[in-house]
């Protein structure tokens, strides 16, 4: 799910940076496209992980409803890596489709 989330957020951000704001020309600068999409998606993923951690601390009885209950560092890093893989795919899609 984190890869799909990274892909979804990455595609939205690529559209936002490229079409709406005009910050980058998606067709000409692959590295800047990947950097912006990957960086901002990683920040979104980090906020999501902080949300999961907060829920697990504030409502430990109901944690199993919102998260898988596995709040270890390895799981968090794997989730962030999955977000980054999805965002990288989104950046490549944005670059080759524009």
N, C-alpha and C. Protein backbone atom coordinates (compact mmCIF):
# COMPACT_ATOMS: atom_id res chain seq x y z
N UNK A 1 0.82 -1.20 0.00
CA UNK A 1 0.00 0.00 0.00
C UNK A 1 0.86 1.26 0.00
N UNK A 2 2.02 1.19 0.65
CA UNK A 2 2.86 2.39 0.68
C UNK A 2 3.43 2.70 -0.71
N UNK A 3 3.70 1.68 -1.51
CA UNK A 3 4.17 1.95 -2.87
C UNK A 3 3.08 2.63 -3.69
N UNK A 4 1.86 2.15 -3.55
CA UNK A 4 0.75 2.79 -4.26
C UNK A 4 0.51 4.21 -3.75
N UNK A 5 0.64 4.40 -2.44
CA UNK A 5 0.50 5.74 -1.88
C UNK A 5 1.58 6.67 -2.40
N UNK A 6 2.83 6.18 -2.46
CA UNK A 6 3.92 6.98 -3.01
C UNK A 6 3.71 7.30 -4.47
N UNK A 7 3.20 6.33 -5.22
CA UNK A 7 2.90 6.55 -6.64
C UNK A 7 1.82 7.61 -6.80
N UNK A 8 0.75 7.48 -6.04
CA UNK A 8 -0.37 8.42 -6.12
C UNK A 8 0.05 9.83 -5.74
N UNK A 9 0.73 9.97 -4.60
CA UNK A 9 1.20 11.29 -4.17
C UNK A 9 2.21 11.85 -5.17
N UNK A 10 3.10 10.99 -5.66
CA UNK A 10 4.10 11.44 -6.63
C UNK A 10 3.50 11.95 -7.92
N UNK A 11 2.47 11.26 -8.43
CA UNK A 11 1.82 11.72 -9.66
C UNK A 11 1.10 13.05 -9.45
N UNK A 12 0.46 13.18 -8.31
CA UNK A 12 -0.22 14.46 -8.01
C UNK A 12 0.81 15.59 -7.90
N UNK A 13 1.92 15.33 -7.22
CA UNK A 13 2.94 16.36 -7.07
C UNK A 13 3.61 16.70 -8.40
N UNK A 14 3.85 15.70 -9.23
CA UNK A 14 4.44 15.97 -10.55
C UNK A 14 3.52 16.85 -11.37
N UNK A 15 2.23 16.55 -11.33
CA UNK A 15 1.26 17.39 -12.04
C UNK A 15 1.25 18.80 -11.46
N UNK A 16 1.27 18.88 -10.15
CA UNK A 16 1.23 20.18 -9.47
C UNK A 16 2.48 21.01 -9.80
N UNK A 17 3.67 20.40 -9.68
CA UNK A 17 4.90 21.12 -9.95
C UNK A 17 5.06 21.46 -11.43
N UNK A 18 4.64 20.55 -12.29
CA UNK A 18 4.86 20.73 -13.72
C UNK A 18 3.80 21.56 -14.42
N UNK A 19 2.55 21.23 -14.18
CA UNK A 19 1.45 21.87 -14.92
C UNK A 19 0.89 23.09 -14.20
N UNK A 20 0.64 22.97 -12.92
CA UNK A 20 -0.02 24.06 -12.18
C UNK A 20 0.92 25.21 -11.87
N UNK A 21 2.05 24.88 -11.24
CA UNK A 21 2.99 25.93 -10.84
C UNK A 21 4.01 26.27 -11.91
N UNK A 22 4.30 25.32 -12.77
CA UNK A 22 5.30 25.55 -13.81
C UNK A 22 6.71 25.65 -13.26
N UNK A 23 6.95 25.04 -12.11
CA UNK A 23 8.28 25.10 -11.49
C UNK A 23 9.30 24.33 -12.33
N UNK A 24 8.89 23.19 -12.85
CA UNK A 24 9.80 22.37 -13.63
C UNK A 24 9.18 22.03 -14.97
N UNK A 25 10.04 21.85 -15.96
CA UNK A 25 9.59 21.35 -17.25
C UNK A 25 9.82 19.84 -17.22
N UNK A 26 8.75 19.11 -17.07
CA UNK A 26 8.85 17.66 -16.88
C UNK A 26 9.54 16.97 -18.03
N UNK A 27 9.48 17.55 -19.22
CA UNK A 27 10.07 16.91 -20.39
C UNK A 27 11.57 17.07 -20.49
N UNK A 28 12.12 18.07 -19.82
CA UNK A 28 13.53 18.37 -20.04
C UNK A 28 14.45 18.08 -18.86
N UNK A 29 13.92 17.94 -17.69
CA UNK A 29 14.81 17.79 -16.54
C UNK A 29 14.38 16.61 -15.68
N UNK A 30 14.87 15.43 -16.03
CA UNK A 30 14.52 14.21 -15.30
C UNK A 30 14.99 14.27 -13.85
N UNK A 31 16.22 14.71 -13.61
CA UNK A 31 16.76 14.70 -12.24
C UNK A 31 16.03 15.67 -11.33
N UNK A 32 15.68 16.84 -11.82
CA UNK A 32 14.93 17.78 -10.99
C UNK A 32 13.53 17.25 -10.73
N UNK A 33 12.92 16.64 -11.73
CA UNK A 33 11.60 16.03 -11.55
C UNK A 33 11.65 14.96 -10.47
N UNK A 34 12.62 14.05 -10.57
CA UNK A 34 12.75 13.00 -9.57
C UNK A 34 13.05 13.56 -8.19
N UNK A 35 13.92 14.57 -8.12
CA UNK A 35 14.29 15.16 -6.85
C UNK A 35 13.09 15.79 -6.15
N UNK A 36 12.33 16.60 -6.87
CA UNK A 36 11.17 17.26 -6.26
C UNK A 36 10.08 16.28 -5.88
N UNK A 37 9.76 15.36 -6.78
CA UNK A 37 8.70 14.39 -6.51
C UNK A 37 9.11 13.45 -5.38
N UNK A 38 10.33 12.95 -5.44
CA UNK A 38 10.81 12.04 -4.41
C UNK A 38 10.93 12.73 -3.06
N UNK A 39 11.47 13.93 -3.05
CA UNK A 39 11.65 14.66 -1.79
C UNK A 39 10.34 15.00 -1.10
N UNK A 40 9.40 15.53 -1.86
CA UNK A 40 8.13 15.92 -1.25
C UNK A 40 7.30 14.70 -0.86
N UNK A 41 7.37 13.64 -1.63
CA UNK A 41 6.65 12.42 -1.26
C UNK A 41 7.25 11.81 0.00
N UNK A 42 8.55 11.89 0.16
CA UNK A 42 9.19 11.39 1.38
C UNK A 42 8.74 12.18 2.59
N UNK A 43 8.58 13.48 2.44
CA UNK A 43 8.08 14.31 3.54
C UNK A 43 6.65 13.90 3.89
N UNK A 44 5.81 13.69 2.88
CA UNK A 44 4.43 13.24 3.13
C UNK A 44 4.45 11.89 3.83
N UNK A 45 5.30 10.97 3.40
CA UNK A 45 5.42 9.66 4.04
C UNK A 45 5.89 9.76 5.48
N UNK A 46 6.82 10.68 5.75
CA UNK A 46 7.29 10.86 7.12
C UNK A 46 6.17 11.39 8.02
N UNK A 47 5.36 12.31 7.49
CA UNK A 47 4.21 12.78 8.26
C UNK A 47 3.22 11.65 8.53
N UNK A 48 3.03 10.78 7.54
CA UNK A 48 2.13 9.64 7.73
C UNK A 48 2.66 8.71 8.83
N UNK A 49 3.96 8.45 8.82
CA UNK A 49 4.54 7.60 9.85
C UNK A 49 4.42 8.25 11.22
N UNK A 50 4.58 9.55 11.29
CA UNK A 50 4.39 10.26 12.55
C UNK A 50 2.93 10.13 13.01
N UNK A 51 2.00 10.21 12.08
CA UNK A 51 0.58 10.02 12.40
C UNK A 51 0.34 8.62 12.96
N UNK A 52 0.89 7.60 12.33
CA UNK A 52 0.73 6.23 12.83
C UNK A 52 1.30 6.09 14.23
N UNK A 53 2.46 6.68 14.46
CA UNK A 53 3.08 6.62 15.78
C UNK A 53 2.21 7.35 16.81
N UNK A 54 1.70 8.52 16.44
CA UNK A 54 0.86 9.29 17.36
C UNK A 54 -0.40 8.53 17.74
N UNK A 55 -1.03 7.91 16.75
CA UNK A 55 -2.23 7.13 17.03
C UNK A 55 -1.90 5.97 17.97
N UNK A 56 -0.77 5.33 17.75
CA UNK A 56 -0.40 4.20 18.60
C UNK A 56 -0.12 4.64 20.04
N UNK A 57 0.32 5.89 20.22
CA UNK A 57 0.59 6.38 21.56
C UNK A 57 -0.65 6.96 22.24
N UNK A 58 -1.50 7.62 21.47
CA UNK A 58 -2.68 8.28 22.04
C UNK A 58 -3.83 7.32 22.28
N UNK A 59 -3.95 6.32 21.44
CA UNK A 59 -5.05 5.37 21.57
C UNK A 59 -4.53 3.95 21.43
N UNK A 60 -3.73 3.50 22.40
CA UNK A 60 -3.12 2.17 22.25
C UNK A 60 -4.14 1.04 22.20
N UNK A 61 -5.31 1.24 22.76
CA UNK A 61 -6.34 0.20 22.73
C UNK A 61 -6.87 -0.01 21.32
N UNK A 62 -6.95 1.08 20.54
CA UNK A 62 -7.52 1.01 19.20
C UNK A 62 -6.48 1.03 18.10
N UNK A 63 -5.21 0.86 18.45
CA UNK A 63 -4.13 0.93 17.46
C UNK A 63 -4.32 -0.10 16.36
N UNK A 64 -4.79 -1.28 16.70
CA UNK A 64 -4.95 -2.33 15.69
C UNK A 64 -5.99 -1.96 14.63
N UNK A 65 -6.86 -0.99 14.90
CA UNK A 65 -7.83 -0.55 13.91
C UNK A 65 -7.21 0.37 12.86
N UNK A 66 -6.17 1.11 13.24
CA UNK A 66 -5.59 2.11 12.35
C UNK A 66 -4.26 1.69 11.74
N UNK A 67 -3.51 0.91 12.46
CA UNK A 67 -2.21 0.45 11.96
C UNK A 67 -2.12 -1.05 12.16
N UNK A 68 -1.06 -1.62 11.66
CA UNK A 68 -0.88 -3.05 11.84
C UNK A 68 -0.28 -3.38 13.20
N UNK A 69 -0.09 -2.35 14.03
CA UNK A 69 0.39 -2.56 15.38
C UNK A 69 1.89 -2.78 15.48
N UNK A 70 2.60 -2.68 14.38
CA UNK A 70 4.03 -2.92 14.34
C UNK A 70 4.75 -1.58 14.22
N UNK A 71 5.07 -0.97 15.34
CA UNK A 71 5.66 0.37 15.32
C UNK A 71 7.17 0.30 15.58
N UNK A 72 7.86 -0.54 14.86
CA UNK A 72 9.29 -0.66 15.01
C UNK A 72 10.01 0.18 13.97
N UNK A 73 11.27 0.49 14.24
CA UNK A 73 12.06 1.32 13.33
C UNK A 73 12.20 0.66 11.96
N UNK A 74 12.42 -0.64 11.93
CA UNK A 74 12.57 -1.35 10.66
C UNK A 74 11.32 -1.25 9.80
N UNK A 75 10.17 -1.35 10.42
CA UNK A 75 8.91 -1.24 9.68
C UNK A 75 8.73 0.18 9.14
N UNK A 76 9.07 1.16 9.95
CA UNK A 76 8.95 2.55 9.51
C UNK A 76 9.88 2.84 8.34
N UNK A 77 11.11 2.36 8.42
CA UNK A 77 12.05 2.58 7.32
C UNK A 77 11.62 1.85 6.05
N UNK A 78 11.06 0.65 6.19
CA UNK A 78 10.55 -0.08 5.03
C UNK A 78 9.38 0.67 4.40
N UNK A 79 8.50 1.22 5.23
CA UNK A 79 7.37 2.00 4.71
C UNK A 79 7.86 3.23 3.95
N UNK A 80 8.86 3.92 4.49
CA UNK A 80 9.41 5.10 3.80
C UNK A 80 10.10 4.70 2.50
N UNK A 81 10.80 3.58 2.50
CA UNK A 81 11.45 3.10 1.27
C UNK A 81 10.39 2.76 0.22
N UNK A 82 9.30 2.12 0.64
CA UNK A 82 8.21 1.82 -0.29
C UNK A 82 7.60 3.10 -0.86
N UNK A 83 7.44 4.12 -0.01
CA UNK A 83 6.94 5.41 -0.49
C UNK A 83 7.87 5.99 -1.55
N UNK A 84 9.18 5.87 -1.32
CA UNK A 84 10.15 6.42 -2.25
C UNK A 84 10.19 5.65 -3.57
N UNK A 85 10.00 4.35 -3.51
CA UNK A 85 9.94 3.55 -4.75
C UNK A 85 8.74 3.98 -5.58
N UNK A 86 7.58 4.11 -4.93
CA UNK A 86 6.39 4.56 -5.64
C UNK A 86 6.57 5.95 -6.23
N UNK A 87 7.20 6.85 -5.47
CA UNK A 87 7.44 8.21 -5.95
C UNK A 87 8.42 8.22 -7.12
N UNK A 88 9.42 7.35 -7.09
CA UNK A 88 10.37 7.27 -8.21
C UNK A 88 9.67 6.82 -9.48
N UNK A 89 8.79 5.84 -9.34
CA UNK A 89 8.03 5.38 -10.50
C UNK A 89 7.14 6.51 -11.02
N UNK A 90 6.53 7.27 -10.10
CA UNK A 90 5.71 8.40 -10.51
C UNK A 90 6.52 9.45 -11.25
N UNK A 91 7.72 9.74 -10.76
CA UNK A 91 8.59 10.71 -11.44
C UNK A 91 8.96 10.26 -12.83
N UNK A 92 9.25 8.97 -12.99
CA UNK A 92 9.57 8.45 -14.31
C UNK A 92 8.36 8.48 -15.23
N UNK A 93 7.20 8.14 -14.70
CA UNK A 93 5.98 8.22 -15.52
C UNK A 93 5.73 9.65 -15.96
N UNK A 94 5.86 10.60 -15.04
CA UNK A 94 5.64 12.01 -15.37
C UNK A 94 6.62 12.48 -16.44
N UNK A 95 7.87 12.06 -16.32
CA UNK A 95 8.89 12.49 -17.28
C UNK A 95 8.61 11.92 -18.68
N UNK A 96 8.32 10.63 -18.77
CA UNK A 96 8.14 10.00 -20.07
C UNK A 96 6.78 10.27 -20.68
N UNK A 97 5.78 10.63 -19.90
CA UNK A 97 4.45 10.91 -20.43
C UNK A 97 4.26 12.35 -20.85
N UNK A 98 5.13 13.24 -20.42
CA UNK A 98 4.93 14.66 -20.77
C UNK A 98 5.65 15.03 -22.05
